[in-house]
Amino acid sequence: MKENGKILYWAPRVLAILFIAFLSLFSLDVFEAGQGLGEMLLGFLIHNIPSIIISLLLIVAWRNDLFGAIAFSVVGLAFIILLLVNTKEVGETWLMVLIRSLPITGFALVVARLFFLNWQKRRQS
């Protein structure tokens, strides 16, 4: 039983780190030939703003599971809302936008659920 508690404790934290790494991969597209070093570094920083914000949320959530559950739920839902707001500009249906958002949104919501389950388990014991 104690082993399950450790897994439930570490799972959302490790998945959140993997989620941040996954989001950071998208910032690597700024490094291309023909741009100055300053432009590339600024683009890299701008592309990593979501990763930096989620990293800060994870730092707070590390000790407060309920905060982690709420924060990662908000991250997932905010991403869906941002995509749906831009649906008209992209020219896709809302259903296609939701399907396209699943890798990022799903990851955030799974992390949120795991933080919530860990919070619930600690509260009961």
C-alpha atoms as a PDB file:
ATOM      1  CA  MET A   1       0.000   0.000   0.000  1.00  0.00           C
ATOM      2  CA  LYS A   2       2.853   2.345   0.787  1.00  0.00           C
ATOM      3  CA  GLU A   3       4.310   1.787  -2.699  1.00  0.00           C
ATOM      4  CA  ASN A   4       1.045   2.987  -4.288  1.00  0.00           C
ATOM      5  CA  GLY A   5       1.282   6.181  -2.250  1.00  0.00           C
ATOM      6  CA  LYS A   6       4.767   6.869  -3.575  1.00  0.00           C
ATOM      7  CA  ILE A   7       3.645   6.273  -7.145  1.00  0.00           C
ATOM      8  CA  LEU A   8       0.650   8.556  -6.688  1.00  0.00           C
ATOM      9  CA  TYR A   9       2.914  11.190  -5.157  1.00  0.00           C
ATOM     10  CA  TRP A  10       5.543  11.121  -7.905  1.00  0.00           C
ATOM     11  CA  ALA A  11       3.374  10.479 -10.977  1.00  0.00           C
ATOM     12  CA  PRO A  12       1.925  14.006 -11.363  1.00  0.00           C
ATOM     13  CA  ARG A  13       5.283  15.627 -10.662  1.00  0.00           C
ATOM     14  CA  VAL A  14       7.196  13.514 -13.175  1.00  0.00           C
ATOM     15  CA  LEU A  15       4.446  13.879 -15.782  1.00  0.00           C
ATOM     16  CA  ALA A  16       4.407  17.648 -15.241  1.00  0.00           C
ATOM     17  CA  ILE A  17       8.166  17.775 -15.874  1.00  0.00           C
ATOM     18  CA  LEU A  18       7.695  15.705 -19.042  1.00  0.00           C
ATOM     19  CA  PHE A  19       4.844  18.032 -20.062  1.00  0.00           C
ATOM     20  CA  ILE A  20       7.103  21.070 -19.643  1.00  0.00           C
ATOM     21  CA  ALA A  21       9.833  19.355 -21.670  1.00  0.00           C
ATOM     22  CA  PHE A  22       7.290  18.521 -24.397  1.00  0.00           C
ATOM     23  CA  LEU A  23       6.155  22.146 -24.594  1.00  0.00           C
ATOM     24  CA  SER A  24       9.759  23.327 -24.663  1.00  0.00           C
ATOM     25  CA  LEU A  25      10.442  21.224 -27.739  1.00  0.00           C
ATOM     26  CA  PHE A  26       8.256  23.575 -29.770  1.00  0.00           C
ATOM     27  CA  SER A  27      10.643  26.443 -29.060  1.00  0.00           C
ATOM     28  CA  LEU A  28      13.516  24.781 -30.894  1.00  0.00           C
ATOM     29  CA  ASP A  29      12.120  25.870 -34.260  1.00  0.00           C
ATOM     30  CA  VAL A  30      13.555  29.377 -33.734  1.00  0.00           C
ATOM     31  CA  PHE A  31      17.091  28.163 -34.408  1.00  0.00           C
ATOM     32  CA  GLU A  32      17.483  28.454 -38.159  1.00  0.00           C
ATOM     33  CA  ALA A  33      20.092  29.878 -40.460  1.00  0.00           C
ATOM     34  CA  GLY A  34      19.941  33.517 -41.468  1.00  0.00           C
ATOM     35  CA  GLN A  35      18.975  34.975 -38.098  1.00  0.00           C
ATOM     36  CA  GLY A  36      21.199  36.723 -35.607  1.00  0.00           C
ATOM     37  CA  LEU A  37      21.978  35.216 -32.237  1.00  0.00           C
ATOM     38  CA  GLY A  38      19.996  37.926 -30.429  1.00  0.00           C
ATOM     39  CA  GLU A  39      16.888  37.286 -32.547  1.00  0.00           C
ATOM     40  CA  MET A  40      17.115  33.537 -31.961  1.00  0.00           C
ATOM     41  CA  LEU A  41      17.564  33.908 -28.197  1.00  0.00           C
ATOM     42  CA  LEU A  42      14.660  36.350 -27.954  1.00  0.00           C
ATOM     43  CA  GLY A  43      12.460  34.001 -30.001  1.00  0.00           C
ATOM     44  CA  PHE A  44      13.534  31.095 -27.817  1.00  0.00           C
ATOM     45  CA  LEU A  45      12.618  33.036 -24.670  1.00  0.00           C
ATOM     46  CA  ILE A  46       9.239  34.095 -26.066  1.00  0.00           C
ATOM     47  CA  HIS A  47       8.406  30.544 -27.169  1.00  0.00           C
ATOM     48  CA  ASN A  48       9.252  29.265 -23.682  1.00  0.00           C
ATOM     49  CA  ILE A  49       6.953  31.617 -21.759  1.00  0.00           C
ATOM     50  CA  PRO A  50       4.269  28.896 -21.339  1.00  0.00           C
ATOM     51  CA  SER A  51       6.934  26.442 -20.118  1.00  0.00           C
ATOM     52  CA  ILE A  52       8.261  29.008 -17.647  1.00  0.00           C
ATOM     53  CA  ILE A  53       4.769  29.738 -16.301  1.00  0.00           C
ATOM     54  CA  ILE A  54       3.952  26.039 -15.954  1.00  0.00           C
ATOM     55  CA  SER A  55       7.318  25.457 -14.247  1.00  0.00           C
ATOM     56  CA  LEU A  56       6.446  28.134 -11.689  1.00  0.00           C
ATOM     57  CA  LEU A  57       3.043  26.504 -11.173  1.00  0.00           C
ATOM     58  CA  LEU A  58       4.759  23.147 -10.629  1.00  0.00           C
ATOM     59  CA  ILE A  59       7.084  24.650  -8.022  1.00  0.00           C
ATOM     60  CA  VAL A  60       4.062  25.792  -6.006  1.00  0.00           C
ATOM     61  CA  ALA A  61       2.134  22.579  -6.709  1.00  0.00           C
ATOM     62  CA  TRP A  62       5.028  20.420  -5.508  1.00  0.00           C
ATOM     63  CA  ARG A  63       3.939  20.937  -1.896  1.00  0.00           C
ATOM     64  CA  ASN A  64       0.282  21.767  -2.475  1.00  0.00           C
ATOM     65  CA  ASP A  65      -1.520  19.063  -4.444  1.00  0.00           C
ATOM     66  CA  LEU A  66      -4.854  20.875  -4.530  1.00  0.00           C
ATOM     67  CA  PHE A  67      -3.182  23.922  -6.079  1.00  0.00           C
ATOM     68  CA  GLY A  68      -1.598  21.595  -8.663  1.00  0.00           C
ATOM     69  CA  ALA A  69      -4.974  20.088  -9.509  1.00  0.00           C
ATOM     70  CA  ILE A  70      -6.552  23.494  -9.991  1.00  0.00           C
ATOM     71  CA  ALA A  71      -3.577  25.041 -11.805  1.00  0.00           C
ATOM     72  CA  PHE A  72      -3.135  22.237 -14.335  1.00  0.00           C
ATOM     73  CA  SER A  73      -6.888  22.127 -14.947  1.00  0.00           C
ATOM     74  CA  VAL A  74      -6.802  25.844 -15.707  1.00  0.00           C
ATOM     75  CA  VAL A  75      -3.804  25.328 -18.029  1.00  0.00           C
ATOM     76  CA  GLY A  76      -5.651  22.629 -19.975  1.00  0.00           C
ATOM     77  CA  LEU A  77      -8.893  24.555 -20.202  1.00  0.00           C
ATOM     78  CA  ALA A  78      -7.124  27.814 -21.095  1.00  0.00           C
ATOM     79  CA  PHE A  79      -5.409  26.081 -24.001  1.00  0.00           C
ATOM     80  CA  ILE A  80      -8.761  24.817 -25.307  1.00  0.00           C
ATOM     81  CA  ILE A  81     -10.302  28.278 -24.965  1.00  0.00           C
ATOM     82  CA  LEU A  82      -7.382  29.950 -26.752  1.00  0.00           C
ATOM     83  CA  LEU A  83      -7.661  27.498 -29.629  1.00  0.00           C
ATOM     84  CA  LEU A  84     -11.437  27.873 -29.863  1.00  0.00           C
ATOM     85  CA  VAL A  85     -11.144  31.672 -29.926  1.00  0.00           C
ATOM     86  CA  ASN A  86      -8.768  31.389 -32.884  1.00  0.00           C
ATOM     87  CA  THR A  87     -10.902  28.797 -34.710  1.00  0.00           C
ATOM     88  CA  LYS A  88     -12.322  31.331 -37.152  1.00  0.00           C
ATOM     89  CA  GLU A  89      -8.866  32.562 -38.102  1.00  0.00           C
ATOM     90  CA  VAL A  90      -7.603  29.055 -38.790  1.00  0.00           C
ATOM     91  CA  GLY A  91     -10.732  28.038 -40.695  1.00  0.00           C
ATOM     92  CA  GLU A  92     -11.307  24.746 -38.867  1.00  0.00           C
ATOM     93  CA  THR A  93     -14.393  23.467 -37.112  1.00  0.00           C
ATOM     94  CA  TRP A  94     -14.508  23.537 -33.338  1.00  0.00           C
ATOM     95  CA  LEU A  95     -14.461  19.731 -33.254  1.00  0.00           C
ATOM     96  CA  MET A  96     -11.211  19.578 -35.229  1.00  0.00           C
ATOM     97  CA  VAL A  97      -9.695  22.172 -32.898  1.00  0.00           C
ATOM     98  CA  LEU A  98     -10.662  20.088 -29.861  1.00  0.00           C
ATOM     99  CA  ILE A  99      -9.179  16.952 -31.395  1.00  0.00           C
ATOM    100  CA  ARG A 100      -5.989  18.825 -32.260  1.00  0.00           C
ATOM    101  CA  SER A 101      -5.713  20.129 -28.695  1.00  0.00           C
ATOM    102  CA  LEU A 102      -5.885  16.686 -27.083  1.00  0.00           C
ATOM    103  CA  PRO A 103      -2.128  16.010 -26.780  1.00  0.00           C
ATOM    104  CA  ILE A 104      -1.512  19.174 -24.777  1.00  0.00           C
ATOM    105  CA  THR A 105      -4.858  19.490 -23.025  1.00  0.00           C
ATOM    106  CA  GLY A 106      -5.076  15.804 -22.207  1.00  0.00           C
ATOM    107  CA  PHE A 107      -1.608  15.813 -20.686  1.00  0.00           C
ATOM    108  CA  ALA A 108      -2.424  18.812 -18.477  1.00  0.00           C
ATOM    109  CA  LEU A 109      -5.751  17.348 -17.355  1.00  0.00           C
ATOM    110  CA  VAL A 110      -4.173  13.973 -16.512  1.00  0.00           C
ATOM    111  CA  VAL A 111      -1.573  15.753 -14.372  1.00  0.00           C
ATOM    112  CA  ALA A 112      -4.368  17.740 -12.702  1.00  0.00           C
ATOM    113  CA  ARG A 113      -6.330  14.571 -11.963  1.00  0.00           C
ATOM    114  CA  LEU A 114      -3.275  12.875 -10.460  1.00  0.00           C
ATOM    115  CA  PHE A 115      -2.582  15.884  -8.241  1.00  0.00           C
ATOM    116  CA  PHE A 116      -6.227  15.787  -7.132  1.00  0.00           C
ATOM    117  CA  LEU A 117      -6.115  12.057  -6.363  1.00  0.00           C
ATOM    118  CA  ASN A 118      -2.947  12.527  -4.329  1.00  0.00           C
ATOM    119  CA  TRP A 119      -4.546  15.417  -2.435  1.00  0.00           C
ATOM    120  CA  GLN A 120      -7.629  13.311  -1.764  1.00  0.00           C
ATOM    121  CA  LYS A 121      -5.553  10.375  -0.538  1.00  0.00           C
ATOM    122  CA  ARG A 122      -3.520  12.570   1.827  1.00  0.00           C
ATOM    123  CA  ARG A 123      -6.677  14.190   3.143  1.00  0.00           C
ATOM    124  CA  GLN A 124      -8.225  10.814   3.976  1.00  0.00           C
ATOM    125  CA  SER A 125      -5.161   9.551   5.834  1.00  0.00           C
END
